[in-house]
Amino acid sequence: RSSAPDNHLETKAMTTLFVSDLHLASARPAQLALFQQFVARVAQRRARALYILGDLVDAWLGDDDDGSPPNREIIAALASLRAAGVELHVGHGNRDFLYGPRFVAATGARLLSDYAVIDLYGTTTLLTHGDLLCTRDVKYQRFRRVVRHPLTRHAFLATPLAWRQRIAQRTRSGTVASMRRKDDAIMDVEESSVAAIMARYQARLLIHGHTHRPAIHDYADGRRRIVLGDWYERDGVLVCDDAGQRALRVSDYLHLPAVQA
């Protein structure tokens, strides 16, 4: 599935917004409240579309996890976008790749493939979470292939939710310890992989998250790569329109004049 892009999705009017790596959890109520304010503002301004490029929540353990806090509140916020006519597109991150039909029905979201191509105001744009581009982290890529395999997913979802929650907690603790031991460069994207995937999909713009290293990278050949910020310490949103792309703090977006929204 990762080799085939979505059909080109049209984004031609108003603003199109991108966020990633929100990692919403009950333990972080301030970020959850900020997210609810953000979504309400997006709906009020009737943005063209909101793209969430993975890791919306700290863990999504299957659609039967939709009642666990704060998932119920998150789903309600996302559902409000459909009522306002805002397109919602959600990508899979390394923490939330188990969204299923119940999540889609409740939120009105369209799930993105690992690589999705859109026409962003005339620019061919490639969207992805970003972890697939961290090709120097061989152990993670091997782990990713195992946990994303359909048989693994089916077996995991067949177990009781309480068991899945315990497994997720242990895995999360192990992941934190593993990240501390890794070389910092290994956890970033590999530039040769970036160039190859952009050439493969003939994209001039790449937007991704995952690395928690927000930046705009402009290349000599005219390509651009925008890395979305995480919502741990410095939340962010990428606001796109006919004039280009602006990386903002969420608080700044909330206070933009209506004509700029």
Protein backbone atom coordinates (compact mmCIF):
# COMPACT_ATOMS: atom_id res chain seq x y z
CA ARG A 1 0.00 0.00 0.00
CA SER A 2 2.83 2.42 0.66
CA SER A 3 3.93 2.23 -2.98
CA ALA A 4 0.69 3.60 -4.44
CA PRO A 5 -0.29 7.24 -3.85
CA ASP A 6 -3.83 8.41 -3.30
CA ASN A 7 -5.58 9.83 -6.32
CA HIS A 8 -4.72 13.52 -6.64
CA LEU A 9 -6.87 15.39 -4.16
CA GLU A 10 -7.92 18.88 -5.13
CA THR A 11 -7.20 21.74 -2.71
CA LYS A 12 -7.96 24.89 -4.67
CA ALA A 13 -9.86 27.28 -2.43
CA MET A 14 -9.45 29.05 0.90
CA THR A 15 -6.80 27.69 3.26
CA THR A 16 -5.46 24.19 3.68
CA LEU A 17 -3.96 23.31 7.06
CA PHE A 18 -1.43 20.66 8.08
CA VAL A 19 -0.51 19.40 11.54
CA SER A 20 1.33 16.35 12.82
CA ASP A 21 2.59 14.70 16.00
CA LEU A 22 0.05 16.15 18.38
CA HIS A 23 0.36 13.08 20.66
CA LEU A 24 -2.84 13.97 22.46
CA ALA A 25 -3.26 12.17 25.76
CA SER A 26 -5.10 12.58 29.07
CA ALA A 27 -1.77 13.30 30.73
CA ARG A 28 -1.46 16.47 28.61
CA PRO A 29 -4.75 18.35 29.16
CA ALA A 30 -3.39 21.70 27.98
CA GLN A 31 -2.61 20.31 24.52
CA LEU A 32 -6.02 18.64 24.34
CA ALA A 33 -7.72 21.94 25.17
CA LEU A 34 -5.59 23.72 22.56
CA PHE A 35 -6.55 21.11 19.97
CA GLN A 36 -10.25 21.61 20.69
CA GLN A 37 -9.84 25.39 20.31
CA PHE A 38 -7.89 24.88 17.11
CA VAL A 39 -10.50 22.58 15.53
CA ALA A 40 -13.30 24.93 16.55
CA ARG A 41 -11.46 27.79 14.85
CA VAL A 42 -10.84 25.74 11.71
CA ALA A 43 -14.55 24.94 11.55
CA GLN A 44 -15.57 28.54 12.23
CA ARG A 45 -13.36 29.82 9.42
CA ARG A 46 -14.49 27.03 7.10
CA ALA A 47 -11.00 26.14 5.94
CA ARG A 48 -10.82 24.08 2.77
CA ALA A 49 -9.19 21.08 4.46
CA LEU A 50 -7.28 19.91 7.50
CA TYR A 51 -4.59 17.26 7.10
CA ILE A 52 -3.32 15.44 10.19
CA LEU A 53 -0.16 13.60 9.14
CA GLY A 54 0.06 11.01 11.87
CA ASP A 55 0.38 10.66 15.64
CA LEU A 56 -2.76 12.61 16.41
CA VAL A 57 -2.97 10.64 19.64
CA ASP A 58 -0.34 9.04 21.82
CA ALA A 59 -1.84 5.62 21.11
CA TRP A 60 -4.81 4.31 19.12
CA LEU A 61 -5.21 0.62 19.89
CA GLY A 62 -8.13 -0.15 17.58
CA ASP A 63 -11.55 1.33 16.94
CA ASP A 64 -12.88 -0.20 20.17
CA ASP A 65 -10.49 2.22 21.91
CA ASP A 66 -12.73 5.11 20.86
CA GLY A 67 -14.29 5.40 24.32
CA SER A 68 -10.99 5.70 26.16
CA PRO A 69 -10.15 9.22 27.34
CA PRO A 70 -9.43 11.50 25.61
CA ASN A 71 -10.42 9.71 22.38
CA ARG A 72 -14.12 10.46 22.79
CA GLU A 73 -13.44 14.19 23.00
CA ILE A 74 -11.04 14.06 20.05
CA ILE A 75 -13.57 12.27 17.85
CA ALA A 76 -16.27 14.79 18.76
CA ALA A 77 -13.97 17.66 17.81
CA LEU A 78 -13.07 16.10 14.48
CA ALA A 79 -16.71 15.34 13.69
CA SER A 80 -17.51 19.04 14.00
CA LEU A 81 -15.39 19.69 10.91
CA ARG A 82 -17.72 17.61 8.75
CA ALA A 83 -20.69 19.69 9.90
CA ALA A 84 -18.77 22.84 8.91
CA GLY A 85 -17.90 21.48 5.46
CA VAL A 86 -14.16 21.15 6.15
CA GLU A 87 -12.43 18.18 4.52
CA LEU A 88 -10.57 16.04 7.04
CA HIS A 89 -7.67 13.80 5.99
CA VAL A 90 -5.86 11.68 8.57
CA GLY A 91 -2.58 9.86 8.07
CA HIS A 92 -1.16 6.98 10.05
CA GLY A 93 1.71 7.69 12.41
CA ASN A 94 3.82 5.24 14.32
CA ARG A 95 1.47 5.66 17.31
CA ASP A 96 -1.91 5.53 15.55
CA PHE A 97 -1.83 3.23 12.53
CA LEU A 98 -4.84 1.15 13.66
CA TYR A 99 -7.64 3.49 12.62
CA GLY A 100 -10.51 1.56 11.08
CA PRO A 101 -13.99 2.01 9.63
CA ARG A 102 -15.57 3.00 12.94
CA PHE A 103 -13.14 5.90 13.31
CA VAL A 104 -13.81 6.96 9.72
CA ALA A 105 -17.59 6.82 10.19
CA ALA A 106 -17.47 8.78 13.47
CA THR A 107 -15.18 11.55 12.23
CA GLY A 108 -15.89 11.76 8.50
CA ALA A 109 -12.16 11.50 7.87
CA ARG A 110 -10.47 10.17 4.78
CA LEU A 111 -7.49 7.99 5.70
CA LEU A 112 -4.32 8.74 3.77
CA SER A 113 -1.98 6.10 2.39
CA ASP A 114 1.68 6.09 3.47
CA TYR A 115 2.42 8.40 0.54
CA ALA A 116 -0.35 10.70 -0.71
CA VAL A 117 -0.05 13.15 -3.60
CA ILE A 118 -2.17 16.29 -3.73
CA ASP A 119 -2.36 19.35 -5.93
CA LEU A 120 -1.72 22.10 -3.38
CA TYR A 121 -2.61 25.36 -5.12
CA GLY A 122 -0.84 24.30 -8.29
CA THR A 123 2.13 22.56 -6.63
CA THR A 124 2.44 18.78 -6.77
CA THR A 125 2.83 17.94 -3.09
CA LEU A 126 3.74 14.67 -1.40
CA LEU A 127 2.41 13.97 2.09
CA THR A 128 3.70 11.35 4.50
CA HIS A 129 4.17 10.89 8.23
CA GLY A 130 7.94 10.84 7.85
CA ASP A 131 9.06 7.64 9.55
CA LEU A 132 9.51 5.80 6.25
CA LEU A 133 12.17 8.35 5.33
CA CYS A 134 14.29 7.59 8.41
CA THR A 135 16.00 4.81 6.49
CA ARG A 136 19.21 4.86 8.54
CA ASP A 137 17.23 3.53 11.51
CA VAL A 138 17.31 -0.05 10.25
CA LYS A 139 15.97 -1.57 13.48
CA TYR A 140 12.94 0.70 13.46
CA GLN A 141 12.19 -0.03 9.80
CA ARG A 142 12.32 -3.76 10.54
CA PHE A 143 10.01 -3.31 13.54
CA ARG A 144 7.65 -1.19 11.45
CA ARG A 145 7.32 -3.89 8.79
CA VAL A 146 6.45 -6.48 11.44
CA VAL A 147 3.82 -4.47 13.33
CA ARG A 148 2.18 -3.14 10.15
CA HIS A 149 1.85 -6.60 8.59
CA PRO A 150 -1.85 -7.51 8.16
CA LEU A 151 -1.45 -10.75 10.12
CA THR A 152 0.18 -8.93 13.04
CA ARG A 153 -2.52 -6.28 13.04
CA HIS A 154 -5.30 -8.87 12.93
CA ALA A 155 -3.78 -10.87 15.80
CA PHE A 156 -3.25 -7.76 17.92
CA LEU A 157 -6.78 -6.44 17.39
CA ALA A 158 -8.22 -9.83 18.29
CA THR A 159 -6.91 -9.55 21.85
CA PRO A 160 -8.81 -7.78 24.68
CA LEU A 161 -8.43 -4.02 24.78
CA ALA A 162 -7.07 -4.08 28.33
CA TRP A 163 -4.28 -6.40 27.18
CA ARG A 164 -3.49 -4.11 24.26
CA GLN A 165 -3.29 -1.15 26.62
CA ARG A 166 -0.75 -2.93 28.81
CA ILE A 167 1.32 -3.89 25.77
CA ALA A 168 1.22 -0.29 24.49
CA GLN A 169 2.42 1.04 27.84
CA ARG A 170 5.37 -1.35 27.92
CA THR A 171 6.22 -0.63 24.27
CA ARG A 172 6.10 3.12 24.89
CA SER A 173 8.53 2.82 27.82
CA GLY A 174 10.87 0.71 25.70
CA THR A 175 10.68 3.18 22.82
CA VAL A 176 11.71 6.09 25.04
CA ALA A 177 14.69 4.15 26.35
CA SER A 178 15.67 3.07 22.83
CA MET A 179 15.54 6.66 21.51
CA ARG A 180 17.90 7.81 24.23
CA ARG A 181 20.48 5.29 23.07
CA LYS A 182 20.28 6.15 19.37
CA ASP A 183 22.53 8.53 17.52
CA ASP A 184 20.64 11.76 16.89
CA ALA A 185 21.27 11.60 13.13
CA ILE A 186 19.72 8.14 12.84
CA MET A 187 16.34 9.48 13.93
CA ASP A 188 16.24 12.11 11.18
CA VAL A 189 15.25 11.55 7.56
CA GLU A 190 17.87 10.44 5.06
CA GLU A 191 18.29 13.08 2.36
CA SER A 192 18.93 10.51 -0.37
CA SER A 193 15.62 8.86 0.53
CA VAL A 194 13.89 12.24 0.41
CA ALA A 195 15.28 12.98 -3.05
CA ALA A 196 14.36 9.53 -4.32
CA ILE A 197 10.76 9.59 -3.09
CA MET A 198 10.15 13.12 -4.38
CA ALA A 199 11.50 12.10 -7.77
CA ARG A 200 9.36 8.97 -7.74
CA TYR A 201 6.16 10.97 -7.28
CA GLN A 202 7.40 14.01 -9.24
CA ALA A 203 6.71 16.23 -6.23
CA ARG A 204 8.10 19.73 -5.83
CA LEU A 205 6.95 19.98 -2.20
CA LEU A 206 7.15 17.37 0.57
CA ILE A 207 5.31 17.84 3.87
CA HIS A 208 5.92 15.47 6.77
CA GLY A 209 6.28 15.23 10.53
CA HIS A 210 7.62 12.47 12.80
CA THR A 211 11.11 13.85 13.47
CA HIS A 212 9.97 16.66 15.79
CA ARG A 213 12.42 18.97 14.00
CA PRO A 214 10.24 21.70 12.47
CA ALA A 215 11.95 23.45 9.58
CA ILE A 216 11.62 24.50 5.94
CA HIS A 217 14.32 23.05 3.69
CA ASP A 218 14.78 24.62 0.27
CA TYR A 219 16.94 22.73 -2.24
CA ALA A 220 19.03 24.08 -5.08
CA ASP A 221 16.84 22.37 -7.68
CA GLY A 222 13.70 24.19 -6.49
CA ARG A 223 12.29 21.43 -4.30
CA ARG A 224 11.03 22.26 -0.82
CA ARG A 225 10.60 20.03 2.26
CA ILE A 226 8.52 21.26 5.18
CA VAL A 227 8.82 19.45 8.50
CA LEU A 228 5.82 19.95 10.78
CA GLY A 229 6.41 20.59 14.46
CA ASP A 230 5.21 18.37 17.26
CA TRP A 231 2.84 19.55 19.97
CA TYR A 232 4.95 18.56 22.96
CA GLU A 233 6.58 21.91 23.68
CA ARG A 234 6.18 24.01 20.52
CA ASP A 235 2.89 23.30 18.78
CA GLY A 236 2.58 24.29 15.15
CA VAL A 237 0.33 24.44 12.11
CA LEU A 238 1.22 24.92 8.46
CA VAL A 239 -1.22 27.30 6.76
CA CYS A 240 -1.30 27.12 2.96
CA ASP A 241 -3.14 29.20 0.39
CA ASP A 242 -2.58 30.76 -3.01
CA ALA A 243 0.14 32.98 -1.52
CA GLY A 244 2.27 30.07 -0.29
CA GLN A 245 3.00 28.34 3.00
CA ARG A 246 3.26 29.82 6.50
CA ALA A 247 4.43 27.88 9.56
CA LEU A 248 2.65 29.30 12.62
CA ARG A 249 2.19 28.58 16.28
CA VAL A 250 -1.36 27.43 16.93
CA SER A 251 -1.95 30.46 19.17
CA ASP A 252 -1.00 32.71 16.25
CA TYR A 253 -3.43 30.88 13.97
CA LEU A 254 -6.21 31.29 16.50
CA HIS A 255 -5.77 35.05 16.38
CA LEU A 256 -5.37 35.53 12.65
CA PRO A 257 -7.83 38.02 11.12
CA ALA A 258 -10.72 36.23 9.44
CA VAL A 259 -9.65 37.34 5.96
CA GLN A 260 -6.34 35.48 6.43
CA ALA A 261 -7.83 32.31 7.85
